[in-house]
Each structure stands twice: as C-alpha cells, then as structure tokens.
Amino acid sequence: MTELARTIEALLFISPEPLEVTTIQDITGESPNQIGRALDELADRHGDQTGLEIAEIAGGWALRTRADLAPACDKLRARPREDRLSPAALETLAVVAYLEPVTRREIGRLRGVDVDSTVTSLLDRGLIEEVAASGPGPATFRTTTLFLERFGLARRGDLPTLERFELTGPEAQALRARLQQADLIAEAETGDG
C-alpha cells in the first residue's frame, strides 16, 4: 500500500464525517488524481471479504462498516457506555484497591470527605463489592474482577508499588502504618541523624 493510501486511510478512520477530496488535498498536499488513485487502492484493499469499506457519501469519502454487518454493530452500539471515572471515584477506588478490605468510614477518613455517593457509584458500576461480614460491624469493601479487567491487572497484587509516593497530611502516619501492615510499603528506616 502506498504511503498516501495509508495516510488517507488514517484520516478517514479518525474523521467523524466524510472527507471531501479538497480536504484530503489540503492535508496531504497531493493532487486530486493522486488522491483518487489512493482511494481506489483503499477500496480494493477493503474488498468484500473485510468488515470495512471505503464509500463515497454526502459529497466526501468515509471508512465505514459494511451494511450487511449492521446487526452486529447495532448490538454493540446498544450496550450502555461506560463513563469515565471522576477524580473522586479514582481516589476512592485507589483506597479500596490498596487497603482492601476497607470500611466506608476508613475511606472517608483517608480522603477527608464524605464518600457515600462515590462508594455507591463504584458499587453500581461493579468496580467494588461489599465483603460478606463474618459478624457484627461495619461493611467492608474490596475490588471486583471487573476492576482487574478494566485496569488491565491479572491479580490484585499487580497494583503499582507505593514506595515512590510521599504520604503527607494529618492521616499520613496512620495510613503509612496501614500500608506497612498490608506489606504495600516498606517500613521507614529510622536513624539517629
């Protein structure tokens, strides 16, 4: 495949609407004839045996899925879209991931804010779950398999090390002790100066 065809394929892939030849010409600096040959090359490459096609629509060119594959594509589009996590949700999720099992109160104390709605949101999204209590006491939370999948982790022990993060603030000593107890950070060496 020519370099121009590769470039046009990339442009069509990222463009939300069909691209006119003049737009492609402005971007690539190539002549309309060269662009036409490259589009023909792409059309041949995306033959009937592929899931994509190069189509001339609405006065421009587009890389799109083939019409006969619409039923499968429609099923994917119908699935609920996963929203991005807010910074508050990411902080809460990090606390749960590193200290699990952890109570809602501990999460709130470490974050310094009320976490009820954030914990509920993470529960609803399936990223954390309530751990079955073995007796009386507050509920505790841990991460789920979906959390591991979404963040590309094979197991809970694959979280990045916390050694390089500096702990500050009024809860730093308690947090440091909890992380040391969970073997997530090494105990600080004390010296006489």
C-alpha atoms as a PDB file:
ATOM      1  CA  MET A   1       0.000   0.000   0.000  1.00  0.00           C
ATOM      2  CA  THR A   2       1.316   3.444  -0.856  1.00  0.00           C
ATOM      3  CA  GLU A   3       2.134   5.982   1.823  1.00  0.00           C
ATOM      4  CA  LEU A   4      -0.646   8.259   0.538  1.00  0.00           C
ATOM      5  CA  ALA A   5      -3.205   5.445   0.784  1.00  0.00           C
ATOM      6  CA  ARG A   6      -2.070   4.720   4.349  1.00  0.00           C
ATOM      7  CA  THR A   7      -2.382   8.400   5.235  1.00  0.00           C
ATOM      8  CA  ILE A   8      -5.852   8.705   3.737  1.00  0.00           C
ATOM      9  CA  GLU A   9      -6.968   5.527   5.496  1.00  0.00           C
ATOM     10  CA  ALA A  10      -5.851   7.011   8.820  1.00  0.00           C
ATOM     11  CA  LEU A  11      -7.631  10.304   8.074  1.00  0.00           C
ATOM     12  CA  LEU A  12     -10.859   8.509   7.167  1.00  0.00           C
ATOM     13  CA  PHE A  13     -10.594   6.379  10.282  1.00  0.00           C
ATOM     14  CA  ILE A  14     -10.399   9.342  12.674  1.00  0.00           C
ATOM     15  CA  SER A  15     -12.787  11.666  10.837  1.00  0.00           C
ATOM     16  CA  PRO A  16     -16.299  11.840  12.320  1.00  0.00           C
ATOM     17  CA  GLU A  17     -17.757  12.806   8.924  1.00  0.00           C
ATOM     18  CA  PRO A  18     -16.958  12.042   5.271  1.00  0.00           C
ATOM     19  CA  LEU A  19     -13.905  13.906   3.963  1.00  0.00           C
ATOM     20  CA  GLU A  20     -14.068  15.828   0.710  1.00  0.00           C
ATOM     21  CA  VAL A  21     -11.203  15.379  -1.727  1.00  0.00           C
ATOM     22  CA  THR A  22     -10.335  19.070  -1.266  1.00  0.00           C
ATOM     23  CA  THR A  23      -9.922  18.497   2.493  1.00  0.00           C
ATOM     24  CA  ILE A  24      -7.687  15.488   1.873  1.00  0.00           C
ATOM     25  CA  GLN A  25      -5.752  17.589  -0.645  1.00  0.00           C
ATOM     26  CA  ASP A  26      -5.262  20.410   1.899  1.00  0.00           C
ATOM     27  CA  ILE A  27      -3.925  17.943   4.470  1.00  0.00           C
ATOM     28  CA  THR A  28      -1.722  15.812   2.227  1.00  0.00           C
ATOM     29  CA  GLY A  29      -0.681  18.348  -0.407  1.00  0.00           C
ATOM     30  CA  GLU A  30      -1.339  15.762  -3.123  1.00  0.00           C
ATOM     31  CA  SER A  31      -3.268  16.276  -6.381  1.00  0.00           C
ATOM     32  CA  PRO A  32      -6.895  15.146  -6.796  1.00  0.00           C
ATOM     33  CA  ASN A  33      -5.714  12.489  -9.296  1.00  0.00           C
ATOM     34  CA  GLN A  34      -3.224  11.030  -6.808  1.00  0.00           C
ATOM     35  CA  ILE A  35      -5.895  11.071  -4.088  1.00  0.00           C
ATOM     36  CA  GLY A  36      -8.333   9.321  -6.435  1.00  0.00           C
ATOM     37  CA  ARG A  37      -5.783   6.560  -7.146  1.00  0.00           C
ATOM     38  CA  ALA A  38      -5.121   6.161  -3.413  1.00  0.00           C
ATOM     39  CA  LEU A  39      -8.878   5.920  -2.713  1.00  0.00           C
ATOM     40  CA  ASP A  40      -9.152   3.232  -5.432  1.00  0.00           C
ATOM     41  CA  GLU A  41      -6.256   1.390  -3.790  1.00  0.00           C
ATOM     42  CA  LEU A  42      -8.052   1.546  -0.427  1.00  0.00           C
ATOM     43  CA  ALA A  43     -11.323   0.373  -1.981  1.00  0.00           C
ATOM     44  CA  ASP A  44      -9.503  -2.659  -3.432  1.00  0.00           C
ATOM     45  CA  ARG A  45      -7.810  -3.348  -0.095  1.00  0.00           C
ATOM     46  CA  HIS A  46     -11.134  -3.227   1.735  1.00  0.00           C
ATOM     47  CA  GLY A  47     -12.791  -5.719  -0.600  1.00  0.00           C
ATOM     48  CA  ASP A  48     -15.897  -7.789   0.015  1.00  0.00           C
ATOM     49  CA  GLN A  49     -14.042 -10.113   2.396  1.00  0.00           C
ATOM     50  CA  THR A  50     -13.390  -7.396   5.010  1.00  0.00           C
ATOM     51  CA  GLY A  51     -15.691  -5.765   7.520  1.00  0.00           C
ATOM     52  CA  LEU A  52     -14.913  -2.252   6.322  1.00  0.00           C
ATOM     53  CA  GLU A  53     -15.413  -0.397   3.066  1.00  0.00           C
ATOM     54  CA  ILE A  54     -14.385   2.910   1.513  1.00  0.00           C
ATOM     55  CA  ALA A  55     -17.580   4.667   0.473  1.00  0.00           C
ATOM     56  CA  GLU A  56     -18.365   7.915  -1.297  1.00  0.00           C
ATOM     57  CA  ILE A  57     -21.162   9.520   0.710  1.00  0.00           C
ATOM     58  CA  ALA A  58     -22.508  13.009   1.310  1.00  0.00           C
ATOM     59  CA  GLY A  59     -20.003  14.620  -1.054  1.00  0.00           C
ATOM     60  CA  GLY A  60     -16.985  13.022   0.594  1.00  0.00           C
ATOM     61  CA  TRP A  61     -15.266   9.751   1.420  1.00  0.00           C
ATOM     62  CA  ALA A  62     -15.659   7.602   4.523  1.00  0.00           C
ATOM     63  CA  LEU A  63     -14.267   4.424   6.005  1.00  0.00           C
ATOM     64  CA  ARG A  64     -17.292   2.595   7.387  1.00  0.00           C
ATOM     65  CA  THR A  65     -18.599  -0.808   8.336  1.00  0.00           C
ATOM     66  CA  ARG A  66     -20.332  -2.817   5.645  1.00  0.00           C
ATOM     67  CA  ALA A  67     -24.137  -2.637   5.623  1.00  0.00           C
ATOM     68  CA  ASP A  68     -24.543  -6.417   5.967  1.00  0.00           C
ATOM     69  CA  LEU A  69     -22.756  -6.240   9.350  1.00  0.00           C
ATOM     70  CA  ALA A  70     -25.189  -3.643  10.751  1.00  0.00           C
ATOM     71  CA  PRO A  71     -27.000  -6.115  13.073  1.00  0.00           C
ATOM     72  CA  ALA A  72     -23.799  -6.951  14.964  1.00  0.00           C
ATOM     73  CA  CYS A  73     -22.691  -3.302  15.035  1.00  0.00           C
ATOM     74  CA  ASP A  74     -26.119  -2.220  16.319  1.00  0.00           C
ATOM     75  CA  LYS A  75     -25.834  -4.658  19.227  1.00  0.00           C
ATOM     76  CA  LEU A  76     -22.542  -3.081  20.263  1.00  0.00           C
ATOM     77  CA  ARG A  77     -23.968   0.441  19.952  1.00  0.00           C
ATOM     78  CA  ALA A  78     -26.944  -0.553  22.113  1.00  0.00           C
ATOM     79  CA  ARG A  79     -24.719  -1.539  25.035  1.00  0.00           C
ATOM     80  CA  PRO A  80     -24.518   1.041  27.801  1.00  0.00           C
ATOM     81  CA  ARG A  81     -21.453   3.222  27.514  1.00  0.00           C
ATOM     82  CA  GLU A  82     -19.010   3.122  30.379  1.00  0.00           C
ATOM     83  CA  ASP A  83     -18.416   6.560  31.765  1.00  0.00           C
ATOM     84  CA  ARG A  84     -15.041   7.797  32.756  1.00  0.00           C
ATOM     85  CA  LEU A  85     -14.334   7.835  36.452  1.00  0.00           C
ATOM     86  CA  SER A  86     -14.171  11.176  38.214  1.00  0.00           C
ATOM     87  CA  PRO A  87     -11.067  12.082  40.228  1.00  0.00           C
ATOM     88  CA  ALA A  88     -13.084  11.454  43.426  1.00  0.00           C
ATOM     89  CA  ALA A  89     -14.071   7.993  42.193  1.00  0.00           C
ATOM     90  CA  LEU A  90     -10.477   7.190  41.217  1.00  0.00           C
ATOM     91  CA  GLU A  91      -9.197   8.272  44.642  1.00  0.00           C
ATOM     92  CA  THR A  92     -11.821   6.178  46.397  1.00  0.00           C
ATOM     93  CA  LEU A  93     -11.096   3.205  44.154  1.00  0.00           C
ATOM     94  CA  ALA A  94      -7.365   3.526  44.899  1.00  0.00           C
ATOM     95  CA  VAL A  95      -8.017   3.494  48.642  1.00  0.00           C
ATOM     96  CA  VAL A  96     -10.149   0.360  48.289  1.00  0.00           C
ATOM     97  CA  ALA A  97      -7.652  -1.334  45.957  1.00  0.00           C
ATOM     98  CA  TYR A  98      -4.641  -0.800  48.191  1.00  0.00           C
ATOM     99  CA  LEU A  99      -6.274  -1.298  51.585  1.00  0.00           C
ATOM    100  CA  GLU A 100      -8.991  -3.851  50.894  1.00  0.00           C
ATOM    101  CA  PRO A 101     -10.972  -4.863  52.749  1.00  0.00           C
ATOM    102  CA  VAL A 102     -11.722  -1.342  53.950  1.00  0.00           C
ATOM    103  CA  THR A 103     -14.759   0.282  55.564  1.00  0.00           C
ATOM    104  CA  ARG A 104     -16.635   3.267  54.231  1.00  0.00           C
ATOM    105  CA  ARG A 105     -15.590   5.221  57.310  1.00  0.00           C
ATOM    106  CA  GLU A 106     -11.887   4.443  56.718  1.00  0.00           C
ATOM    107  CA  ILE A 107     -12.199   5.525  53.091  1.00  0.00           C
ATOM    108  CA  GLY A 108     -13.845   8.795  54.161  1.00  0.00           C
ATOM    109  CA  ARG A 109     -11.275   9.433  56.871  1.00  0.00           C
ATOM    110  CA  LEU A 110      -8.381   8.923  54.452  1.00  0.00           C
ATOM    111  CA  ARG A 111      -9.939  11.045  51.727  1.00  0.00           C
ATOM    112  CA  GLY A 112     -11.144  13.708  54.165  1.00  0.00           C
ATOM    113  CA  VAL A 113     -14.614  13.895  52.599  1.00  0.00           C
ATOM    114  CA  ASP A 114     -17.961  12.105  52.681  1.00  0.00           C
ATOM    115  CA  VAL A 115     -17.669   9.143  50.301  1.00  0.00           C
ATOM    116  CA  ASP A 116     -21.195   7.704  50.432  1.00  0.00           C
ATOM    117  CA  SER A 117     -22.209   8.707  46.902  1.00  0.00           C
ATOM    118  CA  THR A 118     -18.814   7.769  45.440  1.00  0.00           C
ATOM    119  CA  VAL A 119     -18.872   4.324  47.057  1.00  0.00           C
ATOM    120  CA  THR A 120     -22.447   3.817  45.823  1.00  0.00           C
ATOM    121  CA  SER A 121     -21.379   4.809  42.305  1.00  0.00           C
ATOM    122  CA  LEU A 122     -18.446   2.361  42.352  1.00  0.00           C
ATOM    123  CA  LEU A 123     -20.768  -0.378  43.643  1.00  0.00           C
ATOM    124  CA  ASP A 124     -23.272   0.387  40.857  1.00  0.00           C
ATOM    125  CA  ARG A 125     -20.519   0.208  38.244  1.00  0.00           C
ATOM    126  CA  GLY A 126     -19.372  -3.152  39.600  1.00  0.00           C
ATOM    127  CA  LEU A 127     -15.821  -1.975  40.360  1.00  0.00           C
ATOM    128  CA  ILE A 128     -16.103  -2.665  44.101  1.00  0.00           C
ATOM    129  CA  GLU A 129     -18.232  -5.029  46.142  1.00  0.00           C
ATOM    130  CA  GLU A 130     -19.285  -5.397  49.735  1.00  0.00           C
ATOM    131  CA  VAL A 131     -17.476  -8.187  51.558  1.00  0.00           C
ATOM    132  CA  ALA A 132     -19.752 -10.516  53.477  1.00  0.00           C
ATOM    133  CA  ALA A 133     -19.444  -9.699  57.162  1.00  0.00           C
ATOM    134  CA  SER A 134     -18.424 -12.545  59.476  1.00  0.00           C
ATOM    135  CA  GLY A 135     -20.037 -10.837  62.437  1.00  0.00           C
ATOM    136  CA  PRO A 136     -21.359  -7.513  63.646  1.00  0.00           C
ATOM    137  CA  GLY A 137     -19.573  -4.406  62.489  1.00  0.00           C
ATOM    138  CA  PRO A 138     -19.412  -2.042  59.535  1.00  0.00           C
ATOM    139  CA  ALA A 139     -19.471  -3.301  55.976  1.00  0.00           C
ATOM    140  CA  THR A 140     -16.149  -3.612  54.216  1.00  0.00           C
ATOM    141  CA  PHE A 141     -15.399  -3.251  50.522  1.00  0.00           C
ATOM    142  CA  ARG A 142     -12.972  -4.775  48.043  1.00  0.00           C
ATOM    143  CA  THR A 143     -12.350  -4.519  44.326  1.00  0.00           C
ATOM    144  CA  THR A 144     -14.003  -6.885  41.839  1.00  0.00           C
ATOM    145  CA  THR A 145     -12.917  -8.929  38.857  1.00  0.00           C
ATOM    146  CA  LEU A 146     -14.330  -6.162  36.647  1.00  0.00           C
ATOM    147  CA  PHE A 147     -11.899  -3.734  38.324  1.00  0.00           C
ATOM    148  CA  LEU A 148      -8.995  -6.039  37.401  1.00  0.00           C
ATOM    149  CA  GLU A 149     -10.254  -6.321  33.810  1.00  0.00           C
ATOM    150  CA  ARG A 150     -10.836  -2.601  33.388  1.00  0.00           C
ATOM    151  CA  PHE A 151      -7.406  -1.667  34.715  1.00  0.00           C
ATOM    152  CA  GLY A 152      -5.568  -4.498  32.935  1.00  0.00           C
ATOM    153  CA  LEU A 153      -4.422  -6.317  36.068  1.00  0.00           C
ATOM    154  CA  ALA A 154      -4.033 -10.088  36.283  1.00  0.00           C
ATOM    155  CA  ARG A 155      -4.451 -10.101  40.069  1.00  0.00           C
ATOM    156  CA  ARG A 156      -4.791  -7.686  42.943  1.00  0.00           C
ATOM    157  CA  GLY A 157      -1.079  -7.952  43.739  1.00  0.00           C
ATOM    158  CA  ASP A 158      -0.228  -6.338  40.383  1.00  0.00           C
ATOM    159  CA  LEU A 159      -1.014  -2.813  41.585  1.00  0.00           C
ATOM    160  CA  PRO A 160       1.866  -0.334  41.148  1.00  0.00           C
ATOM    161  CA  THR A 161       4.137  -0.003  44.149  1.00  0.00           C
ATOM    162  CA  LEU A 162       3.507   2.846  46.552  1.00  0.00           C
ATOM    163  CA  GLU A 163       7.136   3.224  47.588  1.00  0.00           C
ATOM    164  CA  ARG A 164       7.689   6.344  45.476  1.00  0.00           C
ATOM    165  CA  PHE A 165       4.590   8.192  46.718  1.00  0.00           C
ATOM    166  CA  GLU A 166       5.057  10.644  49.555  1.00  0.00           C
ATOM    167  CA  LEU A 167       2.413  10.453  52.271  1.00  0.00           C
ATOM    168  CA  THR A 168       1.521  13.784  53.859  1.00  0.00           C
ATOM    169  CA  GLY A 169      -1.264  15.296  55.900  1.00  0.00           C
ATOM    170  CA  PRO A 170      -2.830  14.572  59.275  1.00  0.00           C
ATOM    171  CA  GLU A 171      -3.661  10.945  58.427  1.00  0.00           C
ATOM    172  CA  ALA A 172      -0.256  10.167  56.893  1.00  0.00           C
ATOM    173  CA  GLN A 173       1.120   8.255  59.911  1.00  0.00           C
ATOM    174  CA  ALA A 174      -1.978   6.071  60.254  1.00  0.00           C
ATOM    175  CA  LEU A 175      -2.064   5.439  56.523  1.00  0.00           C
ATOM    176  CA  ARG A 176       1.654   4.620  56.460  1.00  0.00           C
ATOM    177  CA  ALA A 177       1.146   2.090  59.290  1.00  0.00           C
ATOM    178  CA  ARG A 178      -1.806   0.515  57.482  1.00  0.00           C
ATOM    179  CA  LEU A 179       0.145   0.247  54.217  1.00  0.00           C
ATOM    180  CA  GLN A 180       3.127  -1.263  56.058  1.00  0.00           C
ATOM    181  CA  GLN A 181       0.850  -3.755  57.810  1.00  0.00           C
ATOM    182  CA  ALA A 182      -0.544  -4.771  54.406  1.00  0.00           C
ATOM    183  CA  ASP A 183       3.044  -5.113  53.067  1.00  0.00           C
ATOM    184  CA  LEU A 184       2.363  -2.427  50.447  1.00  0.00           C
ATOM    185  CA  ILE A 185       5.267  -0.245  51.539  1.00  0.00           C
ATOM    186  CA  ALA A 186       8.438  -0.994  53.490  1.00  0.00           C
ATOM    187  CA  GLU A 187       8.858   0.238  56.999  1.00  0.00           C
ATOM    188  CA  ALA A 188      10.758   3.507  57.142  1.00  0.00           C
ATOM    189  CA  GLU A 189      14.252   3.225  58.472  1.00  0.00           C
ATOM    190  CA  THR A 190      14.892   5.368  61.499  1.00  0.00           C
ATOM    191  CA  GLY A 191      18.294   6.829  62.181  1.00  0.00           C
ATOM    192  CA  ASP A 192      19.834   8.994  64.807  1.00  0.00           C
ATOM    193  CA  GLY A 193      20.731  11.675  62.325  1.00  0.00           C
END
